[in-house]
Amino acid sequence: MRTTLTLDDDVADFLKAQCRLQDRPFKQIVNEVLRRGMARASRDPEPPRFRVVPNHGGLVPGVDPLRLNQLDDQLEAEDFAAESRR
């Protein structure tokens, strides 16, 4: 299909440089570059959206949330005692 197309200067310069480097006609270079762009656009679907799945942060049966500070204090005291013995 014949068509008239106005290219930006940088695009035209790139295409002309490719013609010189590859020693191929302008038409072939333009078609090849467009095909590569179309192929890439068709195989790059939008990435899946990030989804947050909430988790009930409950404690396992047998753990008393009111005694967690007591457990922390006990572990800290044991660490202190172990370091004091060294």
PDB file of N, CA and C in Angstrom:
ATOM      1  N   MET A   1       0.841  -1.171   0.000  1.00  0.00           N
ATOM      2  CA  MET A   1       0.000   0.000   0.000  1.00  0.00           C
ATOM      3  C   MET A   1       0.890   1.239   0.000  1.00  0.00           C
ATOM      4  N   ARG A   2       0.601   2.138  -0.854  1.00  0.00           N
ATOM      5  CA  ARG A   2       1.337   3.399  -0.882  1.00  0.00           C
ATOM      6  C   ARG A   2       0.679   4.372   0.086  1.00  0.00           C
ATOM      7  N   THR A   3       1.524   5.099   0.812  1.00  0.00           N
ATOM      8  CA  THR A   3       0.999   6.105   1.729  1.00  0.00           C
ATOM      9  C   THR A   3       2.060   7.177   1.935  1.00  0.00           C
ATOM     10  N   THR A   4       1.610   8.333   2.365  1.00  0.00           N
ATOM     11  CA  THR A   4       2.534   9.411   2.702  1.00  0.00           C
ATOM     12  C   THR A   4       2.603   9.480   4.214  1.00  0.00           C
ATOM     13  N   LEU A   5       3.810   9.534   4.723  1.00  0.00           N
ATOM     14  CA  LEU A   5       4.012   9.499   6.161  1.00  0.00           C
ATOM     15  C   LEU A   5       5.019  10.577   6.532  1.00  0.00           C
ATOM     16  N   THR A   6       4.701  11.375   7.543  1.00  0.00           N
ATOM     17  CA  THR A   6       5.636  12.393   8.018  1.00  0.00           C
ATOM     18  C   THR A   6       6.326  11.856   9.256  1.00  0.00           C
ATOM     19  N   LEU A   7       7.643  11.741   9.178  1.00  0.00           N
ATOM     20  CA  LEU A   7       8.428  11.199  10.282  1.00  0.00           C
ATOM     21  C   LEU A   7       9.141  12.314  11.027  1.00  0.00           C
ATOM     22  N   ASP A   8       9.311  12.140  12.304  1.00  0.00           N
ATOM     23  CA  ASP A   8      10.140  13.074  13.068  1.00  0.00           C
ATOM     24  C   ASP A   8      11.574  12.932  12.581  1.00  0.00           C
ATOM     25  N   ASP A   9      12.345  13.998  12.723  1.00  0.00           N
ATOM     26  CA  ASP A   9      13.713  14.012  12.206  1.00  0.00           C
ATOM     27  C   ASP A   9      14.570  12.886  12.782  1.00  0.00           C
ATOM     28  N   ASP A  10      14.439  12.647  14.106  1.00  0.00           N
ATOM     29  CA  ASP A  10      15.281  11.614  14.716  1.00  0.00           C
ATOM     30  C   ASP A  10      14.911  10.220  14.202  1.00  0.00           C
ATOM     31  N   VAL A  11      13.628   9.985  13.948  1.00  0.00           N
ATOM     32  CA  VAL A  11      13.187   8.687  13.422  1.00  0.00           C
ATOM     33  C   VAL A  11      13.690   8.507  11.997  1.00  0.00           C
ATOM     34  N   ALA A  12      13.555   9.545  11.193  1.00  0.00           N
ATOM     35  CA  ALA A  12      14.020   9.474   9.807  1.00  0.00           C
ATOM     36  C   ALA A  12      15.531   9.251   9.754  1.00  0.00           C
ATOM     37  N   ASP A  13      16.267   9.946  10.625  1.00  0.00           N
ATOM     38  CA  ASP A  13      17.723   9.778  10.661  1.00  0.00           C
ATOM     39  C   ASP A  13      18.105   8.342  11.045  1.00  0.00           C
ATOM     40  N   PHE A  14      17.391   7.790  12.031  1.00  0.00           N
ATOM     41  CA  PHE A  14      17.655   6.407  12.437  1.00  0.00           C
ATOM     42  C   PHE A  14      17.410   5.447  11.279  1.00  0.00           C
ATOM     43  N   LEU A  15      16.276   5.597  10.603  1.00  0.00           N
ATOM     44  CA  LEU A  15      15.929   4.699   9.501  1.00  0.00           C
ATOM     45  C   LEU A  15      16.925   4.817   8.347  1.00  0.00           C
ATOM     46  N   LYS A  16      17.321   6.039   8.025  1.00  0.00           N
ATOM     47  CA  LYS A  16      18.300   6.236   6.959  1.00  0.00           C
ATOM     48  C   LYS A  16      19.643   5.612   7.319  1.00  0.00           C
ATOM     49  N   ALA A  17      20.028   5.740   8.592  1.00  0.00           N
ATOM     50  CA  ALA A  17      21.289   5.147   9.033  1.00  0.00           C
ATOM     51  C   ALA A  17      21.226   3.620   8.920  1.00  0.00           C
ATOM     52  N   GLN A  18      20.073   3.044   9.257  1.00  0.00           N
ATOM     53  CA  GLN A  18      19.914   1.596   9.131  1.00  0.00           C
ATOM     54  C   GLN A  18      19.998   1.160   7.670  1.00  0.00           C
ATOM     55  N   CYS A  19      19.458   1.982   6.778  1.00  0.00           N
ATOM     56  CA  CYS A  19      19.550   1.677   5.343  1.00  0.00           C
ATOM     57  C   CYS A  19      21.003   1.609   4.903  1.00  0.00           C
ATOM     58  N   ARG A  20      21.790   2.580   5.363  1.00  0.00           N
ATOM     59  CA  ARG A  20      23.207   2.600   4.992  1.00  0.00           C
ATOM     60  C   ARG A  20      23.952   1.421   5.608  1.00  0.00           C
ATOM     61  N   LEU A  21      23.692   1.149   6.895  1.00  0.00           N
ATOM     62  CA  LEU A  21      24.403   0.075   7.585  1.00  0.00           C
ATOM     63  C   LEU A  21      24.073  -1.301   7.005  1.00  0.00           C
ATOM     64  N   GLN A  22      22.813  -1.515   6.681  1.00  0.00           N
ATOM     65  CA  GLN A  22      22.386  -2.830   6.216  1.00  0.00           C
ATOM     66  C   GLN A  22      22.361  -2.942   4.694  1.00  0.00           C
ATOM     67  N   ASP A  23      22.603  -1.807   4.019  1.00  0.00           N
ATOM     68  CA  ASP A  23      22.587  -1.767   2.549  1.00  0.00           C
ATOM     69  C   ASP A  23      21.280  -2.367   2.010  1.00  0.00           C
ATOM     70  N   ARG A  24      20.180  -1.862   2.561  1.00  0.00           N
ATOM     71  CA  ARG A  24      18.846  -2.320   2.154  1.00  0.00           C
ATOM     72  C   ARG A  24      17.966  -1.112   1.877  1.00  0.00           C
ATOM     73  N   PRO A  25      16.909  -1.272   1.102  1.00  0.00           N
ATOM     74  CA  PRO A  25      16.023  -0.155   0.777  1.00  0.00           C
ATOM     75  C   PRO A  25      15.263   0.364   2.002  1.00  0.00           C
ATOM     76  N   PHE A  26      14.933   1.639   1.930  1.00  0.00           N
ATOM     77  CA  PHE A  26      14.203   2.318   3.001  1.00  0.00           C
ATOM     78  C   PHE A  26      12.907   1.587   3.323  1.00  0.00           C
ATOM     79  N   LYS A  27      12.178   1.164   2.304  1.00  0.00           N
ATOM     80  CA  LYS A  27      10.898   0.480   2.484  1.00  0.00           C
ATOM     81  C   LYS A  27      11.062  -0.771   3.347  1.00  0.00           C
ATOM     82  N   GLN A  28      12.087  -1.557   3.080  1.00  0.00           N
ATOM     83  CA  GLN A  28      12.310  -2.791   3.857  1.00  0.00           C
ATOM     84  C   GLN A  28      12.607  -2.483   5.323  1.00  0.00           C
ATOM     85  N   ILE A  29      13.439  -1.478   5.525  1.00  0.00           N
ATOM     86  CA  ILE A  29      13.806  -1.108   6.899  1.00  0.00           C
ATOM     87  C   ILE A  29      12.574  -0.632   7.661  1.00  0.00           C
ATOM     88  N   VAL A  30      11.772   0.238   7.060  1.00  0.00           N
ATOM     89  CA  VAL A  30      10.571   0.753   7.729  1.00  0.00           C
ATOM     90  C   VAL A  30       9.623  -0.391   8.059  1.00  0.00           C
ATOM     91  N   ASN A  31       9.372  -1.274   7.113  1.00  0.00           N
ATOM     92  CA  ASN A  31       8.469  -2.400   7.361  1.00  0.00           C
ATOM     93  C   ASN A  31       8.992  -3.303   8.478  1.00  0.00           C
ATOM     94  N   GLU A  32      10.289  -3.577   8.477  1.00  0.00           N
ATOM     95  CA  GLU A  32      10.876  -4.441   9.498  1.00  0.00           C
ATOM     96  C   GLU A  32      10.747  -3.819  10.889  1.00  0.00           C
ATOM     97  N   VAL A  33      11.054  -2.536  10.986  1.00  0.00           N
ATOM     98  CA  VAL A  33      10.973  -1.856  12.285  1.00  0.00           C
ATOM     99  C   VAL A  33       9.523  -1.822  12.778  1.00  0.00           C
ATOM    100  N   LEU A  34       8.594  -1.541  11.880  1.00  0.00           N
ATOM    101  CA  LEU A  34       7.178  -1.532  12.276  1.00  0.00           C
ATOM    102  C   LEU A  34       6.711  -2.920  12.716  1.00  0.00           C
ATOM    103  N   ARG A  35       7.124  -3.946  12.005  1.00  0.00           N
ATOM    104  CA  ARG A  35       6.723  -5.314  12.380  1.00  0.00           C
ATOM    105  C   ARG A  35       7.276  -5.697  13.754  1.00  0.00           C
ATOM    106  N   ARG A  36       8.532  -5.323  13.999  1.00  0.00           N
ATOM    107  CA  ARG A  36       9.098  -5.619  15.324  1.00  0.00           C
ATOM    108  C   ARG A  36       8.312  -4.915  16.424  1.00  0.00           C
ATOM    109  N   GLY A  37       7.946  -3.676  16.167  1.00  0.00           N
ATOM    110  CA  GLY A  37       7.159  -2.927  17.154  1.00  0.00           C
ATOM    111  C   GLY A  37       5.785  -3.540  17.371  1.00  0.00           C
ATOM    112  N   MET A  38       5.144  -3.981  16.296  1.00  0.00           N
ATOM    113  CA  MET A  38       3.821  -4.603  16.427  1.00  0.00           C
ATOM    114  C   MET A  38       3.914  -5.929  17.172  1.00  0.00           C
ATOM    115  N   ALA A  39       4.941  -6.716  16.885  1.00  0.00           N
ATOM    116  CA  ALA A  39       5.092  -8.013  17.548  1.00  0.00           C
ATOM    117  C   ALA A  39       5.314  -7.818  19.041  1.00  0.00           C
ATOM    118  N   ARG A  40       6.124  -6.848  19.378  1.00  0.00           N
ATOM    119  CA  ARG A  40       6.403  -6.594  20.801  1.00  0.00           C
ATOM    120  C   ARG A  40       5.157  -6.104  21.511  1.00  0.00           C
ATOM    121  N   ALA A  41       4.403  -5.232  20.869  1.00  0.00           N
ATOM    122  CA  ALA A  41       3.187  -4.701  21.486  1.00  0.00           C
ATOM    123  C   ALA A  41       2.149  -5.793  21.701  1.00  0.00           C
ATOM    124  N   SER A  42       2.105  -6.771  20.809  1.00  0.00           N
ATOM    125  CA  SER A  42       1.093  -7.816  20.933  1.00  0.00           C
ATOM    126  C   SER A  42       1.470  -8.885  21.946  1.00  0.00           C
ATOM    127  N   ARG A  43       2.746  -9.026  22.289  1.00  0.00           N
ATOM    128  CA  ARG A  43       3.117 -10.080  23.240  1.00  0.00           C
ATOM    129  C   ARG A  43       3.416  -9.545  24.630  1.00  0.00           C
ATOM    130  N   ASP A  44       3.358  -8.243  24.830  1.00  0.00           N
ATOM    131  CA  ASP A  44       3.593  -7.661  26.146  1.00  0.00           C
ATOM    132  C   ASP A  44       2.267  -7.248  26.773  1.00  0.00           C
ATOM    133  N   PRO A  45       1.501  -8.209  27.284  1.00  0.00           N
ATOM    134  CA  PRO A  45       0.244  -7.822  27.913  1.00  0.00           C
ATOM    135  C   PRO A  45       0.519  -7.073  29.215  1.00  0.00           C
ATOM    136  N   GLU A  46      -0.491  -6.414  29.705  1.00  0.00           N
ATOM    137  CA  GLU A  46      -0.341  -5.685  30.960  1.00  0.00           C
ATOM    138  C   GLU A  46      -0.059  -6.690  32.065  1.00  0.00           C
ATOM    139  N   PRO A  47       0.927  -6.412  32.902  1.00  0.00           N
ATOM    140  CA  PRO A  47       1.234  -7.365  33.972  1.00  0.00           C
ATOM    141  C   PRO A  47       0.049  -7.490  34.929  1.00  0.00           C
ATOM    142  N   PRO A  48      -0.079  -8.647  35.558  1.00  0.00           N
ATOM    143  CA  PRO A  48      -1.202  -8.810  36.485  1.00  0.00           C
ATOM    144  C   PRO A  48      -1.095  -7.826  37.641  1.00  0.00           C
ATOM    145  N   ARG A  49      -2.226  -7.389  38.103  1.00  0.00           N
ATOM    146  CA  ARG A  49      -2.242  -6.438  39.209  1.00  0.00           C
ATOM    147  C   ARG A  49      -1.826  -7.144  40.489  1.00  0.00           C
ATOM    148  N   PHE A  50      -1.118  -6.420  41.328  1.00  0.00           N
ATOM    149  CA  PHE A  50      -0.703  -6.958  42.617  1.00  0.00           C
ATOM    150  C   PHE A  50      -1.924  -7.051  43.517  1.00  0.00           C
ATOM    151  N   ARG A  51      -2.099  -8.196  44.124  1.00  0.00           N
ATOM    152  CA  ARG A  51      -3.271  -8.408  44.958  1.00  0.00           C
ATOM    153  C   ARG A  51      -2.812  -8.775  46.360  1.00  0.00           C
ATOM    154  N   VAL A  52      -3.355  -8.087  47.350  1.00  0.00           N
ATOM    155  CA  VAL A  52      -3.031  -8.358  48.742  1.00  0.00           C
ATOM    156  C   VAL A  52      -4.086  -9.296  49.299  1.00  0.00           C
ATOM    157  N   VAL A  53      -3.641 -10.409  49.849  1.00  0.00           N
ATOM    158  CA  VAL A  53      -4.555 -11.353  50.473  1.00  0.00           C
ATOM    159  C   VAL A  53      -4.411 -11.189  51.982  1.00  0.00           C
ATOM    160  N   PRO A  54      -5.448 -10.688  52.643  1.00  0.00           N
ATOM    161  CA  PRO A  54      -5.336 -10.479  54.089  1.00  0.00           C
ATOM    162  C   PRO A  54      -5.233 -11.805  54.830  1.00  0.00           C
ATOM    163  N   ASN A  55      -4.542 -11.768  55.927  1.00  0.00           N
ATOM    164  CA  ASN A  55      -4.347 -12.946  56.741  1.00  0.00           C
ATOM    165  C   ASN A  55      -4.788 -12.626  58.162  1.00  0.00           C
ATOM    166  N   HIS A  56      -5.641 -13.462  58.707  1.00  0.00           N
ATOM    167  CA  HIS A  56      -6.046 -13.275  60.096  1.00  0.00           C
ATOM    168  C   HIS A  56      -4.824 -13.521  60.962  1.00  0.00           C
ATOM    169  N   GLY A  57      -4.437 -12.548  61.703  1.00  0.00           N
ATOM    170  CA  GLY A  57      -3.208 -12.642  62.491  1.00  0.00           C
ATOM    171  C   GLY A  57      -3.423 -13.250  63.859  1.00  0.00           C
ATOM    172  N   GLY A  58      -4.347 -14.142  63.968  1.00  0.00           N
ATOM    173  CA  GLY A  58      -4.619 -14.754  65.260  1.00  0.00           C
ATOM    174  C   GLY A  58      -3.480 -15.628  65.745  1.00  0.00           C
ATOM    175  N   LEU A  59      -3.452 -15.832  67.045  1.00  0.00           N
ATOM    176  CA  LEU A  59      -2.431 -16.675  67.650  1.00  0.00           C
ATOM    177  C   LEU A  59      -2.896 -18.123  67.649  1.00  0.00           C
ATOM    178  N   VAL A  60      -1.932 -19.012  67.714  1.00  0.00           N
ATOM    179  CA  VAL A  60      -2.274 -20.433  67.767  1.00  0.00           C
ATOM    180  C   VAL A  60      -2.939 -20.735  69.107  1.00  0.00           C
ATOM    181  N   PRO A  61      -3.774 -21.731  69.147  1.00  0.00           N
ATOM    182  CA  PRO A  61      -4.430 -22.082  70.411  1.00  0.00           C
ATOM    183  C   PRO A  61      -3.398 -22.369  71.506  1.00  0.00           C
ATOM    184  N   GLY A  62      -3.680 -21.887  72.690  1.00  0.00           N
ATOM    185  CA  GLY A  62      -2.788 -22.114  73.824  1.00  0.00           C
ATOM    186  C   GLY A  62      -1.885 -20.935  74.121  1.00  0.00           C
ATOM    187  N   VAL A  63      -1.815 -19.939  73.242  1.00  0.00           N
ATOM    188  CA  VAL A  63      -0.982 -18.756  73.479  1.00  0.00           C
ATOM    189  C   VAL A  63      -1.881 -17.662  74.034  1.00  0.00           C
ATOM    190  N   ASP A  64      -1.528 -17.181  75.214  1.00  0.00           N
ATOM    191  CA  ASP A  64      -2.304 -16.130  75.873  1.00  0.00           C
ATOM    192  C   ASP A  64      -1.695 -14.784  75.511  1.00  0.00           C
ATOM    193  N   PRO A  65      -2.404 -13.966  74.722  1.00  0.00           N
ATOM    194  CA  PRO A  65      -1.819 -12.684  74.299  1.00  0.00           C
ATOM    195  C   PRO A  65      -1.528 -11.754  75.466  1.00  0.00           C
ATOM    196  N   LEU A  66      -2.184 -11.942  76.591  1.00  0.00           N
ATOM    197  CA  LEU A  66      -1.940 -11.078  77.747  1.00  0.00           C
ATOM    198  C   LEU A  66      -0.632 -11.428  78.445  1.00  0.00           C
ATOM    199  N   ARG A  67      -0.044 -12.595  78.135  1.00  0.00           N
ATOM    200  CA  ARG A  67       1.178 -13.021  78.799  1.00  0.00           C
ATOM    201  C   ARG A  67       2.404 -12.904  77.887  1.00  0.00           C
ATOM    202  N   LEU A  68       2.235 -12.320  76.688  1.00  0.00           N
ATOM    203  CA  LEU A  68       3.375 -12.201  75.772  1.00  0.00           C
ATOM    204  C   LEU A  68       4.469 -11.307  76.342  1.00  0.00           C
ATOM    205  N   ASN A  69       4.097 -10.215  77.022  1.00  0.00           N
ATOM    206  CA  ASN A  69       5.112  -9.347  77.622  1.00  0.00           C
ATOM    207  C   ASN A  69       5.877 -10.091  78.707  1.00  0.00           C
ATOM    208  N   GLN A  70       5.174 -10.938  79.452  1.00  0.00           N
ATOM    209  CA  GLN A  70       5.826 -11.727  80.495  1.00  0.00           C
ATOM    210  C   GLN A  70       6.851 -12.675  79.869  1.00  0.00           C
ATOM    211  N   LEU A  71       6.487 -13.296  78.741  1.00  0.00           N
ATOM    212  CA  LEU A  71       7.405 -14.193  78.040  1.00  0.00           C
ATOM    213  C   LEU A  71       8.621 -13.419  77.552  1.00  0.00           C
ATOM    214  N   ASP A  72       8.407 -12.221  76.989  1.00  0.00           N
ATOM    215  CA  ASP A  72       9.510 -11.392  76.505  1.00  0.00           C
ATOM    216  C   ASP A  72      10.442 -11.036  77.662  1.00  0.00           C
ATOM    217  N   ASP A  73       9.870 -10.654  78.803  1.00  0.00           N
ATOM    218  CA  ASP A  73      10.694 -10.322  79.970  1.00  0.00           C
ATOM    219  C   ASP A  73      11.501 -11.527  80.428  1.00  0.00           C
ATOM    220  N   GLN A  74      10.884 -12.701  80.434  1.00  0.00           N
ATOM    221  CA  GLN A  74      11.567 -13.914  80.868  1.00  0.00           C
ATOM    222  C   GLN A  74      12.744 -14.232  79.932  1.00  0.00           C
ATOM    223  N   LEU A  75      12.530 -14.137  78.607  1.00  0.00           N
ATOM    224  CA  LEU A  75      13.599 -14.409  77.650  1.00  0.00           C
ATOM    225  C   LEU A  75      14.726 -13.389  77.776  1.00  0.00           C
ATOM    226  N   GLU A  76      14.367 -12.147  78.011  1.00  0.00           N
ATOM    227  CA  GLU A  76      15.390 -11.112  78.168  1.00  0.00           C
ATOM    228  C   GLU A  76      16.209 -11.361  79.429  1.00  0.00           C
ATOM    229  N   ALA A  77      15.562 -11.775  80.504  1.00  0.00           N
ATOM    230  CA  ALA A  77      16.275 -12.079  81.749  1.00  0.00           C
ATOM    231  C   ALA A  77      17.207 -13.267  81.553  1.00  0.00           C
ATOM    232  N   GLU A  78      16.765 -14.287  80.823  1.00  0.00           N
ATOM    233  CA  GLU A  78      17.619 -15.441  80.569  1.00  0.00           C
ATOM    234  C   GLU A  78      18.835 -15.057  79.736  1.00  0.00           C
ATOM    235  N   ASP A  79      18.642 -14.193  78.732  1.00  0.00           N
ATOM    236  CA  ASP A  79      19.772 -13.722  77.922  1.00  0.00           C
ATOM    237  C   ASP A  79      20.769 -12.938  78.771  1.00  0.00           C
ATOM    238  N   PHE A  80      20.244 -12.079  79.645  1.00  0.00           N
ATOM    239  CA  PHE A  80      21.113 -11.283  80.508  1.00  0.00           C
ATOM    240  C   PHE A  80      21.917 -12.187  81.435  1.00  0.00           C
ATOM    241  N   ALA A  81      21.239 -13.204  82.000  1.00  0.00           N
ATOM    242  CA  ALA A  81      21.918 -14.119  82.919  1.00  0.00           C
ATOM    243  C   ALA A  81      23.008 -14.905  82.159  1.00  0.00           C
ATOM    244  N   ALA A  82      22.716 -15.315  80.952  1.00  0.00           N
ATOM    245  CA  ALA A  82      23.701 -16.072  80.157  1.00  0.00           C
ATOM    246  C   ALA A  82      24.917 -15.209  79.835  1.00  0.00           C
ATOM    247  N   GLU A  83      24.710 -13.948  79.531  1.00  0.00           N
ATOM    248  CA  GLU A  83      25.829 -13.057  79.228  1.00  0.00           C
ATOM    249  C   GLU A  83      26.622 -12.714  80.480  1.00  0.00           C
ATOM    250  N   SER A  84      25.953 -12.670  81.623  1.00  0.00           N
ATOM    251  CA  SER A  84      26.647 -12.337  82.881  1.00  0.00           C
ATOM    252  C   SER A  84      27.591 -13.450  83.301  1.00  0.00           C
ATOM    253  N   ARG A  85      27.241 -14.676  82.949  1.00  0.00           N
ATOM    254  CA  ARG A  85      28.078 -15.828  83.325  1.00  0.00           C
ATOM    255  C   ARG A  85      29.364 -15.888  82.516  1.00  0.00           C
ATOM    256  N   ARG A  86      29.408 -15.239  81.391  1.00  0.00           N
ATOM    257  CA  ARG A  86      30.597 -15.301  80.515  1.00  0.00           C
ATOM    258  C   ARG A  86      31.716 -14.515  81.037  1.00  0.00           C
TER     259      ARG A  86
END
